[in-house]
C-alpha atoms as a PDB file:
ATOM      1  CA  MET A   1       0.000   0.000   0.000  1.00  0.00           C
ATOM      2  CA  ILE A   2       1.363   3.415  -0.933  1.00  0.00           C
ATOM      3  CA  THR A   3       0.895   6.592   1.061  1.00  0.00           C
ATOM      4  CA  GLY A   4      -0.740   9.806  -0.150  1.00  0.00           C
ATOM      5  CA  LYS A   5       2.654  11.461  -0.564  1.00  0.00           C
ATOM      6  CA  GLN A   6       3.905   8.554  -2.646  1.00  0.00           C
ATOM      7  CA  ARG A   7       0.726   8.568  -4.769  1.00  0.00           C
ATOM      8  CA  SER A   8       1.197  12.287  -5.393  1.00  0.00           C
ATOM      9  CA  TYR A   9       4.802  11.657  -6.484  1.00  0.00           C
ATOM     10  CA  LEU A  10       3.681   8.863  -8.826  1.00  0.00           C
ATOM     11  CA  ARG A  11       0.985  11.122 -10.320  1.00  0.00           C
ATOM     12  CA  LYS A  12       3.685  13.654 -11.149  1.00  0.00           C
ATOM     13  CA  LEU A  13       5.789  10.976 -12.859  1.00  0.00           C
ATOM     14  CA  GLY A  14       2.713   9.622 -14.654  1.00  0.00           C
ATOM     15  CA  GLN A  15       1.928  12.969 -16.260  1.00  0.00           C
ATOM     16  CA  GLU A  16       5.112  12.732 -18.300  1.00  0.00           C
ATOM     17  CA  LEU A  17       4.408   9.205 -19.546  1.00  0.00           C
ATOM     18  CA  GLU A  18       2.901   8.297 -22.880  1.00  0.00           C
ATOM     19  CA  PRO A  19       0.375   5.434 -22.889  1.00  0.00           C
ATOM     20  CA  VAL A  20       2.059   2.074 -23.501  1.00  0.00           C
ATOM     21  CA  VAL A  21      -1.076  -0.105 -23.449  1.00  0.00           C
ATOM     22  CA  TYR A  22      -4.251   0.584 -25.410  1.00  0.00           C
ATOM     23  CA  ILE A  23      -7.524  -1.153 -24.619  1.00  0.00           C
ATOM     24  CA  GLY A  24     -10.059  -1.337 -27.444  1.00  0.00           C
ATOM     25  CA  LYS A  25     -13.473  -2.883 -28.013  1.00  0.00           C
ATOM     26  CA  GLY A  26     -12.335  -6.287 -26.764  1.00  0.00           C
ATOM     27  CA  SER A  27     -11.947  -4.844 -23.248  1.00  0.00           C
ATOM     28  CA  MET A  28      -9.329  -6.347 -20.935  1.00  0.00           C
ATOM     29  CA  SER A  29      -8.399  -9.681 -22.438  1.00  0.00           C
ATOM     30  CA  GLU A  30      -5.782 -12.092 -21.116  1.00  0.00           C
ATOM     31  CA  ASN A  31      -3.306 -10.694 -23.652  1.00  0.00           C
ATOM     32  CA  VAL A  32      -3.812  -7.138 -22.403  1.00  0.00           C
ATOM     33  CA  ILE A  33      -3.348  -8.243 -18.787  1.00  0.00           C
ATOM     34  CA  ARG A  34      -0.225 -10.215 -19.735  1.00  0.00           C
ATOM     35  CA  GLU A  35       1.212  -7.196 -21.559  1.00  0.00           C
ATOM     36  CA  MET A  36       0.528  -4.910 -18.577  1.00  0.00           C
ATOM     37  CA  ASP A  37       2.190  -7.469 -16.293  1.00  0.00           C
ATOM     38  CA  ASN A  38       5.322  -7.570 -18.475  1.00  0.00           C
ATOM     39  CA  LEU A  39       5.493  -3.782 -18.655  1.00  0.00           C
ATOM     40  CA  LEU A  40       5.069  -3.415 -14.897  1.00  0.00           C
ATOM     41  CA  LYS A  41       7.970  -5.842 -14.397  1.00  0.00           C
ATOM     42  CA  THR A  42      10.267  -3.713 -16.543  1.00  0.00           C
ATOM     43  CA  ARG A  43       8.967  -0.173 -15.993  1.00  0.00           C
ATOM     44  CA  GLU A  44       7.092  -0.256 -12.653  1.00  0.00           C
ATOM     45  CA  LEU A  45       4.896   2.696 -13.718  1.00  0.00           C
ATOM     46  CA  ILE A  46       2.659   2.481 -16.795  1.00  0.00           C
ATOM     47  CA  LYS A  47      -0.052   4.559 -18.415  1.00  0.00           C
ATOM     48  CA  VAL A  48      -2.980   2.862 -20.140  1.00  0.00           C
ATOM     49  CA  LYS A  49      -5.423   4.446 -22.574  1.00  0.00           C
ATOM     50  CA  LEU A  50      -8.956   3.276 -23.314  1.00  0.00           C
ATOM     51  CA  GLN A  51      -9.777   3.661 -27.006  1.00  0.00           C
ATOM     52  CA  GLU A  52     -12.971   5.350 -28.190  1.00  0.00           C
ATOM     53  CA  GLY A  53     -14.724   2.024 -28.858  1.00  0.00           C
ATOM     54  CA  CYS A  54     -14.051   0.702 -25.362  1.00  0.00           C
ATOM     55  CA  SER A  55     -17.106   0.574 -23.123  1.00  0.00           C
ATOM     56  CA  LEU A  56     -15.128   0.414 -19.856  1.00  0.00           C
ATOM     57  CA  ASN A  57     -14.868   3.230 -17.323  1.00  0.00           C
ATOM     58  CA  ALA A  58     -11.207   4.204 -16.724  1.00  0.00           C
ATOM     59  CA  LYS A  59     -11.383   4.068 -12.929  1.00  0.00           C
ATOM     60  CA  GLU A  60     -13.219   0.732 -12.874  1.00  0.00           C
ATOM     61  CA  ALA A  61     -10.824  -0.756 -15.437  1.00  0.00           C
ATOM     62  CA  ALA A  62      -7.824   0.522 -13.439  1.00  0.00           C
ATOM     63  CA  ASN A  63      -9.091  -0.986 -10.196  1.00  0.00           C
ATOM     64  CA  GLU A  64      -9.846  -4.295 -11.917  1.00  0.00           C
ATOM     65  CA  ALA A  65      -6.399  -4.422 -13.550  1.00  0.00           C
ATOM     66  CA  ALA A  66      -4.674  -3.422 -10.295  1.00  0.00           C
ATOM     67  CA  GLY A  67      -6.462  -6.230  -8.463  1.00  0.00           C
ATOM     68  CA  ILE A  68      -5.485  -8.836 -11.042  1.00  0.00           C
ATOM     69  CA  LEU A  69      -1.872  -7.646 -11.325  1.00  0.00           C
ATOM     70  CA  GLY A  70      -1.182  -6.889  -7.675  1.00  0.00           C
ATOM     71  CA  ALA A  71      -0.478  -3.284  -8.630  1.00  0.00           C
ATOM     72  CA  GLU A  72      -1.426   0.055  -7.114  1.00  0.00           C
ATOM     73  CA  PHE A  73      -3.986   2.325  -8.760  1.00  0.00           C
ATOM     74  CA  VAL A  74      -2.356   5.762  -9.029  1.00  0.00           C
ATOM     75  CA  GLN A  75      -4.701   7.943 -11.055  1.00  0.00           C
ATOM     76  CA  ALA A  76      -7.452   7.970 -13.678  1.00  0.00           C
ATOM     77  CA  ILE A  77      -8.140  11.014 -15.843  1.00  0.00           C
ATOM     78  CA  GLY A  78     -10.552  10.859 -18.737  1.00  0.00           C
ATOM     79  CA  ARG A  79      -9.860   7.684 -20.695  1.00  0.00           C
ATOM     80  CA  ARG A  80      -6.376   7.121 -19.230  1.00  0.00           C
ATOM     81  CA  PHE A  81      -5.102   5.594 -16.029  1.00  0.00           C
ATOM     82  CA  VAL A  82      -1.762   4.967 -14.336  1.00  0.00           C
ATOM     83  CA  LEU A  83      -0.689   1.834 -12.449  1.00  0.00           C
ATOM     84  CA  TYR A  84       2.378   1.198 -10.278  1.00  0.00           C
ATOM     85  CA  ARG A  85       3.960  -2.014  -9.037  1.00  0.00           C
ATOM     86  CA  GLN A  86       7.327  -2.052  -7.316  1.00  0.00           C
ATOM     87  CA  ALA A  87       9.929  -4.368  -8.836  1.00  0.00           C
ATOM     88  CA  GLU A  88      10.574  -7.472  -6.772  1.00  0.00           C
ATOM     89  CA  GLU A  89      14.363  -7.220  -6.991  1.00  0.00           C
ATOM     90  CA  LYS A  90      15.914  -4.123  -5.497  1.00  0.00           C
ATOM     91  CA  GLU A  91      18.498  -3.665  -8.285  1.00  0.00           C
ATOM     92  CA  ASN A  92      15.709  -3.582 -10.916  1.00  0.00           C
ATOM     93  CA  ARG A  93      13.803  -0.697  -9.297  1.00  0.00           C
ATOM     94  CA  LYS A  94      13.502   2.361 -11.499  1.00  0.00           C
ATOM     95  CA  VAL A  95      11.098   4.404  -9.384  1.00  0.00           C
ATOM     96  CA  VAL A  96      12.342   5.522  -5.962  1.00  0.00           C
ATOM     97  CA  LEU A  97       9.419   6.482  -3.753  1.00  0.00           C
ATOM     98  CA  PRO A  98       9.800   9.296  -1.193  1.00  0.00           C
END
């Protein structure tokens, strides 16, 4: 669980990110979840964008994905959301939380 200060820091970092996962009409399939998992392993912080044809709500989709992936929901704005999951190995950590 991250604190409010840490969430605020992650929001700041998330603003600079470009979306790396796009969810379309097919909603969150196993392939999308697998891709998010791989990206969280390497990047720790990812931004996801829901395409125009997607019927999901960004906040609901973020909470669902966070639950499945064991990640933290950071922020949802419009059709985009940011997720964070700390790397398991200390030497692989890219994001240093305050």
